[in-house]
Structures are given as structure tokens and as C-alpha cells.
Amino acid sequence: MAFEQLKAQIGMLLGEMNGQPEDLHELYLQVHQELAQMRATGMDVPADLVELEQRLLAEFPLAPPPRA
């Protein structure tokens, strides 16, 4: 998947966060999945998205930890 497409998907997920705050755990899982895909393909993950992932992880400590 192209980097620009992944960025667009993450942007859509962030938009969903504002519209559906009751689904933040699902959003965390989706963001984590997208970032894991970026990491798996060797793409650089933007620092602000890593920070977002860490903030969401702090909110949902029972969620699986991100893979490095």
C-alpha cells in the first residue's frame, strides 16, 4: 500500500475519533494496525502518529502493545 494511501486512511481514522468518541478503543486498534503495516513495509512512521499511538495506548493499557 502506498505511503500516501496509508496517510489518507490514518487521517480518516482521526476524523472518526472526533465523530465517535465512544469507539476510541477500536480507533486505537485501527491506528495501531495501520502503523504496524507502515513499519512492516519499512516506511518511516511520522513522529506525531507515533505520539498519538502512545497516547491511545496509555488510554487503553489492556490493548496489545505496538510492535517495534
N, C-alpha and C. Protein backbone atom coordinates (compact mmCIF):
# COMPACT_ATOMS: atom_id res chain seq x y z
N MET A 1 0.85 -1.17 0.00
CA MET A 1 0.00 0.00 0.00
C MET A 1 0.90 1.24 0.00
N ALA A 2 0.58 2.21 -0.80
CA ALA A 2 1.39 3.41 -0.93
C ALA A 2 1.32 4.27 0.34
N PHE A 3 2.40 4.95 0.60
CA PHE A 3 2.50 5.80 1.79
C PHE A 3 1.37 6.82 1.84
N GLU A 4 1.09 7.46 0.72
CA GLU A 4 0.03 8.48 0.68
C GLU A 4 -1.34 7.87 1.02
N GLN A 5 -1.57 6.65 0.56
CA GLN A 5 -2.84 5.99 0.85
C GLN A 5 -2.94 5.68 2.34
N LEU A 6 -1.84 5.23 2.94
CA LEU A 6 -1.84 4.97 4.38
C LEU A 6 -2.08 6.24 5.16
N LYS A 7 -1.44 7.33 4.74
CA LYS A 7 -1.65 8.61 5.42
C LYS A 7 -3.11 9.03 5.32
N ALA A 8 -3.71 8.82 4.17
CA ALA A 8 -5.12 9.17 4.00
C ALA A 8 -6.00 8.33 4.91
N GLN A 9 -5.71 7.04 5.02
CA GLN A 9 -6.51 6.17 5.89
C GLN A 9 -6.38 6.60 7.34
N ILE A 10 -5.17 6.93 7.76
CA ILE A 10 -4.98 7.37 9.14
C ILE A 10 -5.70 8.68 9.38
N GLY A 11 -5.68 9.56 8.39
CA GLY A 11 -6.43 10.81 8.51
C GLY A 11 -7.91 10.57 8.67
N MET A 12 -8.44 9.61 7.94
CA MET A 12 -9.86 9.27 8.07
C MET A 12 -10.14 8.71 9.46
N LEU A 13 -9.24 7.89 9.97
CA LEU A 13 -9.41 7.33 11.31
C LEU A 13 -9.42 8.43 12.37
N LEU A 14 -8.54 9.41 12.20
CA LEU A 14 -8.51 10.52 13.14
C LEU A 14 -9.80 11.33 13.07
N GLY A 15 -10.36 11.47 11.88
CA GLY A 15 -11.64 12.14 11.74
C GLY A 15 -12.75 11.38 12.45
N GLU A 16 -12.68 10.06 12.41
CA GLU A 16 -13.66 9.24 13.11
C GLU A 16 -13.56 9.43 14.62
N MET A 17 -12.36 9.69 15.11
CA MET A 17 -12.18 9.88 16.54
C MET A 17 -13.05 11.03 17.04
N ASN A 18 -13.12 12.09 16.27
CA ASN A 18 -13.93 13.23 16.66
C ASN A 18 -15.41 12.93 16.57
N GLY A 19 -15.80 12.10 15.64
CA GLY A 19 -17.21 11.81 15.44
C GLY A 19 -17.76 10.70 16.30
N GLN A 20 -16.91 9.80 16.79
CA GLN A 20 -17.39 8.66 17.56
C GLN A 20 -16.50 8.41 18.76
N PRO A 21 -16.52 9.29 19.75
CA PRO A 21 -15.61 9.12 20.88
C PRO A 21 -15.85 7.84 21.68
N GLU A 22 -17.02 7.25 21.57
CA GLU A 22 -17.27 6.00 22.31
C GLU A 22 -16.51 4.83 21.70
N ASP A 23 -15.95 5.01 20.52
CA ASP A 23 -15.24 3.94 19.85
C ASP A 23 -13.72 4.17 19.84
N LEU A 24 -13.19 4.84 20.85
CA LEU A 24 -11.77 5.16 20.85
C LEU A 24 -10.90 3.91 20.90
N HIS A 25 -11.35 2.89 21.59
CA HIS A 25 -10.55 1.67 21.65
C HIS A 25 -10.44 1.05 20.26
N GLU A 26 -11.53 1.01 19.54
CA GLU A 26 -11.50 0.48 18.16
C GLU A 26 -10.60 1.35 17.29
N LEU A 27 -10.67 2.66 17.49
CA LEU A 27 -9.81 3.57 16.74
C LEU A 27 -8.35 3.27 17.04
N TYR A 28 -8.02 3.07 18.32
CA TYR A 28 -6.65 2.73 18.68
C TYR A 28 -6.20 1.49 17.92
N LEU A 29 -7.03 0.47 17.91
CA LEU A 29 -6.65 -0.76 17.23
C LEU A 29 -6.43 -0.53 15.74
N GLN A 30 -7.26 0.29 15.13
CA GLN A 30 -7.12 0.57 13.70
C GLN A 30 -5.86 1.38 13.42
N VAL A 31 -5.60 2.39 14.25
CA VAL A 31 -4.38 3.20 14.07
C VAL A 31 -3.16 2.31 14.26
N HIS A 32 -3.20 1.49 15.30
CA HIS A 32 -2.08 0.58 15.55
C HIS A 32 -1.84 -0.34 14.35
N GLN A 33 -2.91 -0.86 13.79
CA GLN A 33 -2.80 -1.76 12.64
C GLN A 33 -2.19 -1.04 11.44
N GLU A 34 -2.64 0.17 11.18
CA GLU A 34 -2.10 0.94 10.05
C GLU A 34 -0.62 1.25 10.26
N LEU A 35 -0.25 1.65 11.48
CA LEU A 35 1.15 1.96 11.75
C LEU A 35 2.00 0.70 11.70
N ALA A 36 1.47 -0.42 12.16
CA ALA A 36 2.20 -1.68 12.07
C ALA A 36 2.46 -2.05 10.62
N GLN A 37 1.48 -1.79 9.77
CA GLN A 37 1.65 -2.06 8.34
C GLN A 37 2.75 -1.17 7.76
N MET A 38 2.77 0.10 8.17
CA MET A 38 3.80 1.01 7.70
C MET A 38 5.18 0.51 8.15
N ARG A 39 5.27 0.10 9.41
CA ARG A 39 6.54 -0.40 9.93
C ARG A 39 6.97 -1.67 9.20
N ALA A 40 6.01 -2.55 8.93
CA ALA A 40 6.32 -3.83 8.28
C ALA A 40 6.85 -3.63 6.87
N THR A 41 6.43 -2.57 6.22
CA THR A 41 6.88 -2.32 4.85
C THR A 41 8.11 -1.41 4.82
N GLY A 42 8.64 -1.09 6.00
CA GLY A 42 9.86 -0.29 6.08
C GLY A 42 9.66 1.19 5.94
N MET A 43 8.41 1.65 5.97
CA MET A 43 8.15 3.08 5.86
C MET A 43 8.47 3.77 7.18
N ASP A 44 8.88 5.02 7.08
CA ASP A 44 9.08 5.82 8.28
C ASP A 44 7.71 6.23 8.80
N VAL A 45 7.52 6.04 10.09
CA VAL A 45 6.26 6.43 10.72
C VAL A 45 6.44 7.84 11.27
N PRO A 46 5.59 8.78 10.87
CA PRO A 46 5.73 10.15 11.37
C PRO A 46 5.66 10.19 12.89
N ALA A 47 6.50 11.03 13.48
CA ALA A 47 6.60 11.13 14.94
C ALA A 47 5.26 11.48 15.58
N ASP A 48 4.47 12.33 14.93
CA ASP A 48 3.19 12.72 15.54
C ASP A 48 2.23 11.53 15.60
N LEU A 49 2.31 10.62 14.63
CA LEU A 49 1.46 9.44 14.67
C LEU A 49 1.93 8.44 15.72
N VAL A 50 3.25 8.36 15.92
CA VAL A 50 3.78 7.51 16.99
C VAL A 50 3.32 8.06 18.34
N GLU A 51 3.35 9.39 18.48
CA GLU A 51 2.88 10.02 19.72
C GLU A 51 1.39 9.73 19.94
N LEU A 52 0.61 9.84 18.89
CA LEU A 52 -0.83 9.53 19.00
C LEU A 52 -1.02 8.08 19.44
N GLU A 53 -0.27 7.17 18.83
CA GLU A 53 -0.38 5.76 19.19
C GLU A 53 -0.05 5.56 20.67
N GLN A 54 1.00 6.23 21.15
CA GLN A 54 1.39 6.10 22.55
C GLN A 54 0.32 6.68 23.49
N ARG A 55 -0.28 7.79 23.10
CA ARG A 55 -1.35 8.38 23.92
C ARG A 55 -2.55 7.44 23.99
N LEU A 56 -2.91 6.86 22.86
CA LEU A 56 -4.04 5.93 22.85
C LEU A 56 -3.70 4.67 23.65
N LEU A 57 -2.46 4.23 23.57
CA LEU A 57 -2.03 3.07 24.35
C LEU A 57 -2.15 3.36 25.84
N ALA A 58 -1.82 4.58 26.25
CA ALA A 58 -1.95 4.96 27.66
C ALA A 58 -3.41 4.95 28.10
N GLU A 59 -4.32 5.28 27.18
CA GLU A 59 -5.76 5.26 27.48
C GLU A 59 -6.30 3.84 27.58
N PHE A 60 -5.70 2.92 26.84
CA PHE A 60 -6.19 1.55 26.76
C PHE A 60 -5.06 0.57 27.09
N PRO A 61 -4.65 0.52 28.36
CA PRO A 61 -3.49 -0.31 28.72
C PRO A 61 -3.70 -1.81 28.48
N LEU A 62 -4.92 -2.25 28.30
CA LEU A 62 -5.16 -3.66 28.05
C LEU A 62 -5.02 -4.00 26.58
N ALA A 63 -4.88 -2.98 25.75
CA ALA A 63 -4.70 -3.20 24.31
C ALA A 63 -3.32 -3.81 24.09
N PRO A 64 -3.15 -4.59 23.03
CA PRO A 64 -1.85 -5.18 22.76
C PRO A 64 -0.81 -4.08 22.51
N PRO A 65 0.42 -4.25 23.03
CA PRO A 65 1.43 -3.21 22.81
C PRO A 65 1.85 -3.16 21.36
N PRO A 66 2.24 -1.97 20.88
CA PRO A 66 2.67 -1.85 19.48
C PRO A 66 3.94 -2.64 19.24
N ARG A 67 4.05 -3.20 18.07
CA ARG A 67 5.26 -3.92 17.69
C ARG A 67 6.29 -2.94 17.15
N ALA A 68 7.50 -3.14 17.50
CA ALA A 68 8.57 -2.23 17.03
C ALA A 68 9.07 -2.66 15.68
